[in-house]
N, C-alpha and C. Protein backbone atom coordinates (compact mmCIF):
# COMPACT_ATOMS: atom_id res chain seq x y z
N MET A 1 -106.25 -136.91 -161.61
CA MET A 1 -105.54 -135.67 -161.39
C MET A 1 -105.51 -134.87 -162.66
N SER A 2 -105.96 -133.66 -162.54
CA SER A 2 -105.90 -132.81 -163.72
C SER A 2 -104.64 -131.96 -163.66
N GLN A 3 -104.13 -131.73 -164.76
CA GLN A 3 -102.89 -130.96 -164.80
C GLN A 3 -103.23 -129.50 -165.10
N GLN A 4 -102.79 -128.60 -164.23
CA GLN A 4 -103.03 -127.16 -164.39
C GLN A 4 -102.00 -126.58 -165.34
N PRO A 5 -102.43 -125.74 -166.29
CA PRO A 5 -101.43 -125.10 -167.15
C PRO A 5 -100.63 -124.08 -166.35
N SER A 6 -99.39 -123.99 -166.65
CA SER A 6 -98.55 -123.02 -165.94
C SER A 6 -98.91 -121.61 -166.39
N THR A 7 -98.49 -120.62 -165.61
CA THR A 7 -98.84 -119.24 -165.95
C THR A 7 -98.18 -118.80 -167.25
N THR A 8 -97.02 -119.35 -167.56
CA THR A 8 -96.37 -118.96 -168.81
C THR A 8 -97.13 -119.54 -170.00
N ASP A 9 -97.71 -120.75 -169.84
CA ASP A 9 -98.49 -121.33 -170.92
C ASP A 9 -99.75 -120.51 -171.18
N VAL A 10 -100.40 -120.05 -170.11
CA VAL A 10 -101.61 -119.25 -170.25
C VAL A 10 -101.28 -117.91 -170.90
N ALA A 11 -100.18 -117.27 -170.46
CA ALA A 11 -99.80 -115.99 -171.01
C ALA A 11 -99.43 -116.12 -172.48
N THR A 12 -98.79 -117.19 -172.84
CA THR A 12 -98.40 -117.40 -174.22
C THR A 12 -99.62 -117.68 -175.09
N ALA A 13 -100.54 -118.43 -174.57
CA ALA A 13 -101.72 -118.81 -175.34
C ALA A 13 -102.64 -117.62 -175.57
N THR A 14 -102.73 -116.70 -174.64
CA THR A 14 -103.66 -115.58 -174.77
C THR A 14 -103.01 -114.30 -175.27
N ALA A 15 -101.71 -114.30 -175.45
CA ALA A 15 -101.02 -113.08 -175.89
C ALA A 15 -101.33 -112.80 -177.35
N SER A 16 -101.37 -111.54 -177.69
CA SER A 16 -101.61 -111.16 -179.08
C SER A 16 -100.36 -111.46 -179.90
N PRO A 17 -100.53 -111.57 -181.20
CA PRO A 17 -99.35 -111.84 -182.03
C PRO A 17 -98.30 -110.75 -181.87
N ARG A 18 -97.06 -111.12 -181.98
CA ARG A 18 -95.96 -110.16 -181.79
C ARG A 18 -95.95 -109.11 -182.88
N ARG A 19 -95.63 -107.89 -182.45
CA ARG A 19 -95.45 -106.83 -183.43
C ARG A 19 -94.09 -107.03 -184.09
N PRO A 20 -93.97 -106.58 -185.32
CA PRO A 20 -92.65 -106.69 -185.96
C PRO A 20 -91.62 -105.91 -185.15
N THR A 21 -90.43 -106.42 -185.17
CA THR A 21 -89.36 -105.77 -184.42
C THR A 21 -89.16 -104.36 -184.95
N GLU A 22 -89.04 -103.41 -184.03
CA GLU A 22 -88.85 -102.03 -184.45
C GLU A 22 -87.49 -101.87 -185.11
N THR A 23 -87.46 -101.05 -186.14
CA THR A 23 -86.20 -100.81 -186.84
C THR A 23 -85.31 -99.94 -185.98
N PRO A 24 -84.01 -100.11 -186.07
CA PRO A 24 -83.11 -99.28 -185.28
C PRO A 24 -83.15 -97.83 -185.74
N ARG A 25 -82.91 -96.94 -184.84
CA ARG A 25 -82.91 -95.53 -185.15
C ARG A 25 -81.73 -95.21 -186.05
N ARG A 26 -81.99 -94.56 -187.15
CA ARG A 26 -80.94 -94.28 -188.13
C ARG A 26 -80.65 -92.79 -188.24
N SER A 27 -81.13 -92.01 -187.30
CA SER A 27 -80.85 -90.58 -187.36
C SER A 27 -80.74 -90.02 -185.96
N THR A 28 -80.03 -88.91 -185.87
CA THR A 28 -79.95 -88.17 -184.61
C THR A 28 -80.92 -87.01 -184.71
N GLU A 29 -81.03 -86.26 -183.64
CA GLU A 29 -81.97 -85.15 -183.67
C GLU A 29 -81.47 -84.02 -184.55
N THR A 30 -80.21 -83.68 -184.45
CA THR A 30 -79.64 -82.61 -185.27
C THR A 30 -78.20 -82.95 -185.62
N LYS A 31 -77.61 -82.09 -186.43
CA LYS A 31 -76.19 -82.24 -186.74
C LYS A 31 -75.37 -81.92 -185.49
N ALA A 32 -74.13 -82.36 -185.50
CA ALA A 32 -73.22 -81.97 -184.43
C ALA A 32 -73.01 -80.45 -184.50
N ALA A 33 -72.81 -79.82 -183.37
CA ALA A 33 -72.75 -78.36 -183.32
C ALA A 33 -71.65 -77.79 -184.20
N PHE A 34 -70.51 -78.45 -184.27
CA PHE A 34 -69.40 -77.90 -185.06
C PHE A 34 -69.62 -78.03 -186.56
N LYS A 35 -70.64 -78.78 -186.99
CA LYS A 35 -70.94 -78.92 -188.41
C LYS A 35 -71.94 -77.88 -188.91
N THR A 36 -72.42 -77.02 -188.05
CA THR A 36 -73.47 -76.09 -188.45
C THR A 36 -72.90 -74.74 -188.85
N THR A 37 -73.64 -74.03 -189.71
CA THR A 37 -73.20 -72.71 -190.14
C THR A 37 -73.33 -71.70 -189.03
N GLU A 38 -74.32 -71.87 -188.13
CA GLU A 38 -74.44 -70.89 -187.05
C GLU A 38 -73.25 -70.94 -186.10
N PHE A 39 -72.61 -72.08 -185.99
CA PHE A 39 -71.41 -72.16 -185.15
C PHE A 39 -70.27 -71.36 -185.77
N VAL A 40 -70.12 -71.47 -187.08
CA VAL A 40 -69.07 -70.72 -187.78
C VAL A 40 -69.34 -69.23 -187.68
N VAL A 41 -70.60 -68.84 -187.88
CA VAL A 41 -70.96 -67.42 -187.76
C VAL A 41 -70.72 -66.93 -186.33
N PHE A 42 -71.04 -67.76 -185.36
CA PHE A 42 -70.80 -67.40 -183.95
C PHE A 42 -69.32 -67.15 -183.71
N LEU A 43 -68.47 -68.05 -184.18
CA LEU A 43 -67.02 -67.89 -183.97
C LEU A 43 -66.49 -66.64 -184.66
N VAL A 44 -66.95 -66.37 -185.88
CA VAL A 44 -66.51 -65.18 -186.60
C VAL A 44 -66.98 -63.91 -185.89
N ALA A 45 -68.21 -63.92 -185.40
CA ALA A 45 -68.73 -62.74 -184.69
C ALA A 45 -67.98 -62.50 -183.39
N VAL A 46 -67.67 -63.56 -182.65
CA VAL A 46 -66.90 -63.40 -181.41
C VAL A 46 -65.50 -62.86 -181.73
N ALA A 47 -64.88 -63.42 -182.74
CA ALA A 47 -63.55 -62.93 -183.13
C ALA A 47 -63.63 -61.47 -183.56
N GLY A 48 -64.68 -61.09 -184.28
CA GLY A 48 -64.86 -59.71 -184.70
C GLY A 48 -65.02 -58.75 -183.53
N VAL A 49 -65.78 -59.16 -182.54
CA VAL A 49 -65.95 -58.32 -181.35
C VAL A 49 -64.63 -58.16 -180.61
N LEU A 50 -63.89 -59.24 -180.45
CA LEU A 50 -62.61 -59.16 -179.75
C LEU A 50 -61.59 -58.31 -180.51
N VAL A 51 -61.54 -58.47 -181.82
CA VAL A 51 -60.61 -57.68 -182.63
C VAL A 51 -61.01 -56.21 -182.58
N ALA A 52 -62.29 -55.92 -182.70
CA ALA A 52 -62.75 -54.53 -182.65
C ALA A 52 -62.45 -53.90 -181.30
N SER A 53 -62.64 -54.65 -180.25
CA SER A 53 -62.34 -54.12 -178.91
C SER A 53 -60.86 -53.84 -178.76
N TYR A 54 -60.03 -54.66 -179.36
CA TYR A 54 -58.59 -54.48 -179.27
C TYR A 54 -58.12 -53.29 -180.13
N LEU A 55 -58.71 -53.14 -181.31
CA LEU A 55 -58.23 -52.13 -182.26
C LEU A 55 -58.75 -50.72 -181.99
N VAL A 56 -59.92 -50.61 -181.40
CA VAL A 56 -60.48 -49.28 -181.15
C VAL A 56 -59.68 -48.64 -180.02
N ASN A 57 -59.13 -47.48 -180.32
CA ASN A 57 -58.29 -46.79 -179.34
C ASN A 57 -58.85 -45.40 -179.08
N GLU A 58 -58.26 -44.77 -178.13
CA GLU A 58 -58.61 -43.39 -177.81
C GLU A 58 -58.23 -42.51 -178.99
N THR A 59 -59.19 -41.75 -179.50
CA THR A 59 -58.90 -40.91 -180.66
C THR A 59 -58.99 -39.42 -180.35
N ASP A 60 -59.80 -39.06 -179.37
CA ASP A 60 -59.97 -37.63 -179.12
C ASP A 60 -59.77 -37.26 -177.66
N GLY A 61 -59.10 -38.08 -176.92
CA GLY A 61 -58.79 -37.76 -175.53
C GLY A 61 -59.90 -38.06 -174.54
N ARG A 62 -60.98 -38.69 -174.96
CA ARG A 62 -62.08 -38.99 -174.03
C ARG A 62 -62.02 -40.42 -173.50
N GLY A 63 -61.03 -41.16 -173.79
CA GLY A 63 -60.92 -42.54 -173.30
C GLY A 63 -61.33 -43.55 -174.35
N ASP A 64 -61.11 -44.80 -174.04
CA ASP A 64 -61.43 -45.89 -174.96
C ASP A 64 -62.95 -46.06 -175.02
N PRO A 65 -63.56 -45.89 -176.20
CA PRO A 65 -65.01 -46.00 -176.30
C PRO A 65 -65.53 -47.44 -176.29
N PHE A 66 -64.67 -48.42 -176.53
CA PHE A 66 -65.10 -49.82 -176.59
C PHE A 66 -64.26 -50.63 -175.61
N LEU A 67 -64.63 -50.54 -174.35
CA LEU A 67 -63.88 -51.20 -173.29
C LEU A 67 -64.10 -52.71 -173.31
N ALA A 68 -63.26 -53.42 -172.59
CA ALA A 68 -63.32 -54.88 -172.55
C ALA A 68 -64.64 -55.37 -171.96
N ASP A 69 -65.16 -54.68 -170.94
CA ASP A 69 -66.41 -55.14 -170.34
C ASP A 69 -67.57 -55.06 -171.33
N LYS A 70 -67.55 -54.06 -172.20
CA LYS A 70 -68.58 -53.96 -173.23
C LYS A 70 -68.41 -55.08 -174.27
N ALA A 71 -67.17 -55.38 -174.60
CA ALA A 71 -66.91 -56.46 -175.56
C ALA A 71 -67.40 -57.79 -175.01
N TRP A 72 -67.11 -58.08 -173.76
CA TRP A 72 -67.56 -59.34 -173.17
C TRP A 72 -69.07 -59.39 -173.03
N PHE A 73 -69.71 -58.24 -172.83
CA PHE A 73 -71.17 -58.19 -172.80
C PHE A 73 -71.73 -58.60 -174.16
N TYR A 74 -71.15 -58.07 -175.23
CA TYR A 74 -71.61 -58.43 -176.57
C TYR A 74 -71.35 -59.91 -176.88
N ILE A 75 -70.23 -60.43 -176.40
CA ILE A 75 -69.95 -61.86 -176.60
C ILE A 75 -70.97 -62.70 -175.84
N THR A 76 -71.36 -62.26 -174.65
CA THR A 76 -72.39 -62.97 -173.89
C THR A 76 -73.71 -62.97 -174.65
N LEU A 77 -74.07 -61.82 -175.23
CA LEU A 77 -75.30 -61.76 -176.03
C LEU A 77 -75.22 -62.67 -177.24
N LEU A 78 -74.06 -62.70 -177.89
CA LEU A 78 -73.88 -63.62 -179.03
C LEU A 78 -74.02 -65.07 -178.60
N THR A 79 -73.48 -65.41 -177.43
CA THR A 79 -73.57 -66.78 -176.92
C THR A 79 -75.01 -67.16 -176.63
N ILE A 80 -75.76 -66.24 -176.03
CA ILE A 80 -77.17 -66.51 -175.75
C ILE A 80 -77.93 -66.73 -177.06
N GLY A 81 -77.65 -65.89 -178.05
CA GLY A 81 -78.30 -66.06 -179.35
C GLY A 81 -77.94 -67.38 -180.00
N TYR A 82 -76.69 -67.79 -179.88
CA TYR A 82 -76.26 -69.07 -180.45
C TYR A 82 -76.98 -70.23 -179.76
N MET A 83 -77.07 -70.16 -178.44
CA MET A 83 -77.73 -71.24 -177.71
C MET A 83 -79.22 -71.32 -178.05
N ILE A 84 -79.86 -70.19 -178.24
CA ILE A 84 -81.26 -70.19 -178.66
C ILE A 84 -81.40 -70.78 -180.06
N SER A 85 -80.49 -70.41 -180.96
CA SER A 85 -80.58 -70.95 -182.31
C SER A 85 -80.37 -72.46 -182.33
N ARG A 86 -79.49 -72.98 -181.48
CA ARG A 86 -79.29 -74.44 -181.39
C ARG A 86 -80.53 -75.10 -180.83
N GLY A 87 -81.15 -74.47 -179.85
CA GLY A 87 -82.39 -75.03 -179.30
C GLY A 87 -83.49 -75.09 -180.33
N LEU A 88 -83.62 -74.04 -181.14
CA LEU A 88 -84.62 -74.05 -182.20
C LEU A 88 -84.28 -75.09 -183.27
N ALA A 89 -83.01 -75.27 -183.54
CA ALA A 89 -82.60 -76.25 -184.54
C ALA A 89 -82.91 -77.67 -184.07
N LYS A 90 -82.83 -77.91 -182.78
CA LYS A 90 -83.09 -79.24 -182.25
C LYS A 90 -84.58 -79.55 -182.15
N ALA A 91 -85.41 -78.55 -182.34
CA ALA A 91 -86.85 -78.75 -182.20
C ALA A 91 -87.43 -79.42 -183.43
N GLY A 92 -87.26 -80.71 -183.54
CA GLY A 92 -87.93 -81.48 -184.56
C GLY A 92 -87.15 -81.79 -185.82
N SER A 93 -85.92 -81.36 -185.94
CA SER A 93 -85.16 -81.68 -187.15
C SER A 93 -84.44 -83.01 -186.97
N ARG A 94 -84.05 -83.60 -188.07
CA ARG A 94 -83.36 -84.89 -188.03
C ARG A 94 -82.12 -84.84 -188.90
N ASP A 95 -81.12 -85.60 -188.51
CA ASP A 95 -79.88 -85.75 -189.28
C ASP A 95 -79.58 -87.23 -189.36
N HIS A 96 -79.43 -87.77 -190.58
CA HIS A 96 -79.17 -89.19 -190.74
C HIS A 96 -77.73 -89.53 -190.39
N TYR A 97 -77.52 -90.72 -189.85
CA TYR A 97 -76.19 -91.14 -189.43
C TYR A 97 -75.23 -91.25 -190.61
N ASP A 98 -75.73 -91.63 -191.77
CA ASP A 98 -74.85 -91.83 -192.91
C ASP A 98 -74.47 -90.53 -193.61
N ALA A 99 -75.02 -89.40 -193.17
CA ALA A 99 -74.72 -88.11 -193.82
C ALA A 99 -73.42 -87.53 -193.30
């Protein structure tokens, strides 16, 4: 009676040598959003738009030239710009965990 090698024995015998264990990932793709300068600029710009909308008043009897709907439109544009800038920042940059 001949003894047949088990499938695990065959797989082990013919397998290539093991690759070294991969090192753990030590970085994220980008910094956290609240740590970035564009977030601070975004918040300042939004606050500026809101303050300007609040402070601009009727000066010559033609009505308020900077209405709330216009202010929110500008805030929406600022938000879109911020989201695009975050997307560009995430495209290939790295931030180390220990930083």
